[in-house]
Amino acid sequence: MMTTISTYSSTYKGTTRNSRSNNRTGKERRAERVLLRLGVATLFFVLLFTGLTIMTSQANSEHPAEPTASERIVVVGAGDTLWNIASRVRKEGEDIRHVVYSLKKRNNLSTSTLQTGQSLIVPAE
């Protein structure tokens, strides 16, 4: 008795579950993969560009936003400093360092130098 050698591919040859995928050529499969990768890359770059645009537009504003109804404006007088203004506008028991920090942050100030006549927005915290 002679036994024949059979392999998986020879045993199940001809029985396919998904005939559509087997009918596609190699070129079609490559084209689908390329288009999928191109779509994913395009989506990635659009999201990246949008995120960077939003971040830079908010970071580059030199002028502070307009004051809200609960905020008030203080005009800097001769000899005024941030510390003087902060001591005038702070609430009872509030740390003056926090008030100075809030004034600098709200008015987009990088230094503590003020000009006479400059308008400062006092945040309503």
Foldseek 3Di string as FASTA:
>chain_A
DDDDDDDPCRVPPPDDDDVVVVPDDPVVVVVVVVVVVVVVVVVVVVVVVVVVVVVVVVVPDQAADDDDPLKDKDFAAPPDWLLNVLVVPDDPPDDSVVQSVQQCVRGVNPDRDDDGGDMTIRDRD
